[in-house]
């Protein structure tokens, strides 16, 4: 089996573990090609799903925003992926033409080769990281219950 090497000089700021083997910072890590291609799904636009990319918003409409991520085709940020809160338009989340932001590629529309982006998934990652920090600090938090499952 052919091996691909990736020198992870600046991608990881802490030790990483691959199949149980720990590599220190700036280590030469060997990945098999099937492992690489099995973790991420390649889109037809030359991008990997679940990768974060920088992009600039160049237009908005009632249902989302169009983003230039310098891919082969346009990327689109749907309204429901613009924020973890319910919003009526992307402007409420600060998404206006000219804004440069980091987005996550979450899907590809096969019909028109448009990449579907998300800010929501990045915001959830940040929120969960903050929850882990609060737990580690044994902090007391106050919250409001927004929804509960009911037994019938």
C-alpha atoms as a PDB file:
ATOM      1  CA  UNK A   1       0.000   0.000   0.000  1.00  0.00           C
ATOM      2  CA  UNK A   2       1.280   3.429  -0.957  1.00  0.00           C
ATOM      3  CA  UNK A   3       1.891   5.829   1.930  1.00  0.00           C
ATOM      4  CA  UNK A   4       1.413   9.588   1.911  1.00  0.00           C
ATOM      5  CA  UNK A   5       3.399  11.768   4.291  1.00  0.00           C
ATOM      6  CA  UNK A   6       2.223  15.059   5.643  1.00  0.00           C
ATOM      7  CA  UNK A   7       4.568  17.208   7.664  1.00  0.00           C
ATOM      8  CA  UNK A   8       2.233  18.714  10.217  1.00  0.00           C
ATOM      9  CA  UNK A   9       4.493  21.583  11.176  1.00  0.00           C
ATOM     10  CA  UNK A  10       1.940  24.252  11.918  1.00  0.00           C
ATOM     11  CA  UNK A  11      -1.365  22.399  11.753  1.00  0.00           C
ATOM     12  CA  UNK A  12      -1.287  21.098  15.312  1.00  0.00           C
ATOM     13  CA  UNK A  13      -0.201  23.052  18.354  1.00  0.00           C
ATOM     14  CA  UNK A  14      -0.305  20.059  20.692  1.00  0.00           C
ATOM     15  CA  UNK A  15       0.606  16.372  20.469  1.00  0.00           C
ATOM     16  CA  UNK A  16      -1.703  14.270  18.322  1.00  0.00           C
ATOM     17  CA  UNK A  17      -2.642  10.618  18.397  1.00  0.00           C
ATOM     18  CA  UNK A  18      -3.027   8.507  15.276  1.00  0.00           C
ATOM     19  CA  UNK A  19      -4.227   4.921  15.793  1.00  0.00           C
ATOM     20  CA  UNK A  20      -3.072   5.011  19.408  1.00  0.00           C
ATOM     21  CA  UNK A  21       0.434   6.306  18.668  1.00  0.00           C
ATOM     22  CA  UNK A  22       1.180   9.761  20.090  1.00  0.00           C
ATOM     23  CA  UNK A  23       3.231  12.211  18.036  1.00  0.00           C
ATOM     24  CA  UNK A  24       4.804  15.321  19.598  1.00  0.00           C
ATOM     25  CA  UNK A  25       4.446  18.797  18.099  1.00  0.00           C
ATOM     26  CA  UNK A  26       5.780  19.172  14.556  1.00  0.00           C
ATOM     27  CA  UNK A  27       6.125  15.452  14.128  1.00  0.00           C
ATOM     28  CA  UNK A  28       6.342  13.646  10.832  1.00  0.00           C
ATOM     29  CA  UNK A  29       3.127  11.642  10.775  1.00  0.00           C
ATOM     30  CA  UNK A  30       2.458   8.889   8.244  1.00  0.00           C
ATOM     31  CA  UNK A  31      -1.096   8.443   6.985  1.00  0.00           C
ATOM     32  CA  UNK A  32      -2.194   5.789   4.545  1.00  0.00           C
ATOM     33  CA  UNK A  33      -4.092   7.114   1.559  1.00  0.00           C
ATOM     34  CA  UNK A  34      -7.217   5.104   2.450  1.00  0.00           C
ATOM     35  CA  UNK A  35      -7.135   6.693   5.918  1.00  0.00           C
ATOM     36  CA  UNK A  36      -6.868  10.184   4.437  1.00  0.00           C
ATOM     37  CA  UNK A  37      -9.668   9.652   1.962  1.00  0.00           C
ATOM     38  CA  UNK A  38     -11.825   7.816   4.477  1.00  0.00           C
ATOM     39  CA  UNK A  39     -11.840  10.666   6.994  1.00  0.00           C
ATOM     40  CA  UNK A  40     -12.849  13.467   4.665  1.00  0.00           C
ATOM     41  CA  UNK A  41     -15.127  13.421   1.659  1.00  0.00           C
ATOM     42  CA  UNK A  42     -13.776  15.096  -1.468  1.00  0.00           C
ATOM     43  CA  UNK A  43     -16.095  17.446  -3.324  1.00  0.00           C
ATOM     44  CA  UNK A  44     -15.978  18.047  -7.069  1.00  0.00           C
ATOM     45  CA  UNK A  45     -14.862  21.625  -6.359  1.00  0.00           C
ATOM     46  CA  UNK A  46     -11.463  20.665  -5.029  1.00  0.00           C
ATOM     47  CA  UNK A  47     -12.451  21.001  -1.351  1.00  0.00           C
ATOM     48  CA  UNK A  48     -12.898  18.630   1.570  1.00  0.00           C
ATOM     49  CA  UNK A  49     -16.172  18.449   3.449  1.00  0.00           C
ATOM     50  CA  UNK A  50     -15.851  19.464   7.116  1.00  0.00           C
ATOM     51  CA  UNK A  51     -12.805  21.631   6.366  1.00  0.00           C
ATOM     52  CA  UNK A  52     -12.785  25.212   7.507  1.00  0.00           C
ATOM     53  CA  UNK A  53     -12.090  27.831   4.844  1.00  0.00           C
ATOM     54  CA  UNK A  54     -11.761  31.608   4.838  1.00  0.00           C
ATOM     55  CA  UNK A  55     -14.219  33.435   2.651  1.00  0.00           C
ATOM     56  CA  UNK A  56     -15.623  36.850   1.853  1.00  0.00           C
ATOM     57  CA  UNK A  57     -19.363  37.498   1.669  1.00  0.00           C
ATOM     58  CA  UNK A  58     -20.181  39.228  -1.615  1.00  0.00           C
ATOM     59  CA  UNK A  59     -23.997  39.127  -1.658  1.00  0.00           C
ATOM     60  CA  UNK A  60     -26.934  38.333   0.621  1.00  0.00           C
ATOM     61  CA  UNK A  61     -30.578  37.488   0.072  1.00  0.00           C
ATOM     62  CA  UNK A  62     -33.561  36.526   2.237  1.00  0.00           C
ATOM     63  CA  UNK A  63     -32.427  32.913   2.549  1.00  0.00           C
ATOM     64  CA  UNK A  64     -28.665  33.270   3.069  1.00  0.00           C
ATOM     65  CA  UNK A  65     -25.390  34.678   1.767  1.00  0.00           C
ATOM     66  CA  UNK A  66     -23.070  34.049  -1.182  1.00  0.00           C
ATOM     67  CA  UNK A  67     -19.424  33.648  -0.231  1.00  0.00           C
ATOM     68  CA  UNK A  68     -16.233  33.757  -2.280  1.00  0.00           C
ATOM     69  CA  UNK A  69     -13.883  31.054  -0.978  1.00  0.00           C
ATOM     70  CA  UNK A  70     -11.731  31.011  -4.138  1.00  0.00           C
ATOM     71  CA  UNK A  71     -13.047  27.584  -5.136  1.00  0.00           C
ATOM     72  CA  UNK A  72     -14.136  26.606  -8.637  1.00  0.00           C
ATOM     73  CA  UNK A  73     -17.716  27.587  -7.862  1.00  0.00           C
ATOM     74  CA  UNK A  74     -19.701  29.813  -5.533  1.00  0.00           C
ATOM     75  CA  UNK A  75     -20.284  28.880  -1.914  1.00  0.00           C
ATOM     76  CA  UNK A  76     -23.574  29.519  -0.159  1.00  0.00           C
ATOM     77  CA  UNK A  77     -24.323  30.076   3.532  1.00  0.00           C
ATOM     78  CA  UNK A  78     -27.988  29.177   4.170  1.00  0.00           C
ATOM     79  CA  UNK A  79     -29.866  31.246   6.760  1.00  0.00           C
ATOM     80  CA  UNK A  80     -30.257  28.303   9.171  1.00  0.00           C
ATOM     81  CA  UNK A  81     -26.470  27.696   9.100  1.00  0.00           C
ATOM     82  CA  UNK A  82     -25.532  31.350   9.736  1.00  0.00           C
ATOM     83  CA  UNK A  83     -26.050  31.333  13.501  1.00  0.00           C
ATOM     84  CA  UNK A  84     -26.893  29.048  16.427  1.00  0.00           C
ATOM     85  CA  UNK A  85     -29.731  31.430  17.274  1.00  0.00           C
ATOM     86  CA  UNK A  86     -32.904  31.725  15.215  1.00  0.00           C
ATOM     87  CA  UNK A  87     -32.557  34.753  12.986  1.00  0.00           C
ATOM     88  CA  UNK A  88     -34.746  36.242  10.270  1.00  0.00           C
ATOM     89  CA  UNK A  89     -31.925  37.325   7.963  1.00  0.00           C
ATOM     90  CA  UNK A  90     -28.156  36.904   7.832  1.00  0.00           C
ATOM     91  CA  UNK A  91     -27.599  40.579   8.601  1.00  0.00           C
ATOM     92  CA  UNK A  92     -28.792  39.894  12.180  1.00  0.00           C
ATOM     93  CA  UNK A  93     -25.724  37.672  12.580  1.00  0.00           C
ATOM     94  CA  UNK A  94     -23.415  40.353  11.161  1.00  0.00           C
ATOM     95  CA  UNK A  95     -23.143  38.687   7.750  1.00  0.00           C
ATOM     96  CA  UNK A  96     -23.028  41.538   5.241  1.00  0.00           C
ATOM     97  CA  UNK A  97     -21.182  41.965   1.935  1.00  0.00           C
ATOM     98  CA  UNK A  98     -17.473  42.501   2.507  1.00  0.00           C
ATOM     99  CA  UNK A  99     -17.263  40.512   5.751  1.00  0.00           C
ATOM    100  CA  UNK A 100     -14.374  38.025   5.816  1.00  0.00           C
ATOM    101  CA  UNK A 101     -15.006  34.995   8.018  1.00  0.00           C
ATOM    102  CA  UNK A 102     -13.990  31.392   8.519  1.00  0.00           C
ATOM    103  CA  UNK A 103     -16.665  28.925   7.387  1.00  0.00           C
ATOM    104  CA  UNK A 104     -17.017  25.156   7.475  1.00  0.00           C
ATOM    105  CA  UNK A 105     -17.855  23.287   4.273  1.00  0.00           C
ATOM    106  CA  UNK A 106     -20.747  20.993   5.209  1.00  0.00           C
ATOM    107  CA  UNK A 107     -22.198  19.876   1.884  1.00  0.00           C
ATOM    108  CA  UNK A 108     -22.196  20.266  -1.861  1.00  0.00           C
ATOM    109  CA  UNK A 109     -25.240  20.920  -4.029  1.00  0.00           C
ATOM    110  CA  UNK A 110     -24.670  18.504  -6.917  1.00  0.00           C
ATOM    111  CA  UNK A 111     -27.241  20.258  -9.108  1.00  0.00           C
ATOM    112  CA  UNK A 112     -25.278  23.497  -9.438  1.00  0.00           C
ATOM    113  CA  UNK A 113     -21.867  22.610  -7.891  1.00  0.00           C
ATOM    114  CA  UNK A 114     -22.400  25.088  -5.049  1.00  0.00           C
ATOM    115  CA  UNK A 115     -20.622  24.381  -1.781  1.00  0.00           C
ATOM    116  CA  UNK A 116     -22.824  24.718   1.313  1.00  0.00           C
ATOM    117  CA  UNK A 117     -21.163  26.504   4.222  1.00  0.00           C
ATOM    118  CA  UNK A 118     -21.872  26.769   7.933  1.00  0.00           C
ATOM    119  CA  UNK A 119     -21.006  29.125  10.758  1.00  0.00           C
ATOM    120  CA  UNK A 120     -23.428  27.318  13.059  1.00  0.00           C
ATOM    121  CA  UNK A 121     -21.232  24.211  13.382  1.00  0.00           C
ATOM    122  CA  UNK A 122     -18.196  26.341  14.279  1.00  0.00           C
ATOM    123  CA  UNK A 123     -20.260  28.255  16.854  1.00  0.00           C
ATOM    124  CA  UNK A 124     -21.461  24.980  18.415  1.00  0.00           C
ATOM    125  CA  UNK A 125     -17.851  23.768  18.643  1.00  0.00           C
ATOM    126  CA  UNK A 126     -16.915  26.999  20.453  1.00  0.00           C
ATOM    127  CA  UNK A 127     -19.933  26.738  22.771  1.00  0.00           C
ATOM    128  CA  UNK A 128     -19.148  23.121  23.706  1.00  0.00           C
ATOM    129  CA  UNK A 129     -15.508  24.017  24.322  1.00  0.00           C
ATOM    130  CA  UNK A 130     -16.670  26.748  26.704  1.00  0.00           C
ATOM    131  CA  UNK A 131     -18.898  24.220  28.495  1.00  0.00           C
ATOM    132  CA  UNK A 132     -15.902  21.896  28.914  1.00  0.00           C
ATOM    133  CA  UNK A 133     -13.880  24.802  30.338  1.00  0.00           C
ATOM    134  CA  UNK A 134     -16.638  25.656  32.821  1.00  0.00           C
ATOM    135  CA  UNK A 135     -16.862  22.021  33.880  1.00  0.00           C
ATOM    136  CA  UNK A 136     -13.077  21.828  34.361  1.00  0.00           C
ATOM    137  CA  UNK A 137     -13.241  24.982  36.502  1.00  0.00           C
ATOM    138  CA  UNK A 138     -16.150  23.478  38.461  1.00  0.00           C
ATOM    139  CA  UNK A 139     -18.008  26.727  37.808  1.00  0.00           C
ATOM    140  CA  UNK A 140     -21.589  27.342  38.851  1.00  0.00           C
ATOM    141  CA  UNK A 141     -23.743  28.469  35.949  1.00  0.00           C
ATOM    142  CA  UNK A 142     -27.301  29.725  35.660  1.00  0.00           C
ATOM    143  CA  UNK A 143     -29.386  28.851  32.666  1.00  0.00           C
ATOM    144  CA  UNK A 144     -32.855  28.913  31.243  1.00  0.00           C
ATOM    145  CA  UNK A 145     -34.529  25.700  30.130  1.00  0.00           C
ATOM    146  CA  UNK A 146     -35.706  26.289  26.595  1.00  0.00           C
ATOM    147  CA  UNK A 147     -37.129  22.871  25.839  1.00  0.00           C
ATOM    148  CA  UNK A 148     -37.743  19.624  27.704  1.00  0.00           C
ATOM    149  CA  UNK A 149     -38.808  16.159  26.662  1.00  0.00           C
ATOM    150  CA  UNK A 150     -42.090  15.144  28.227  1.00  0.00           C
ATOM    151  CA  UNK A 151     -43.161  11.640  29.139  1.00  0.00           C
ATOM    152  CA  UNK A 152     -46.566  10.586  27.926  1.00  0.00           C
END
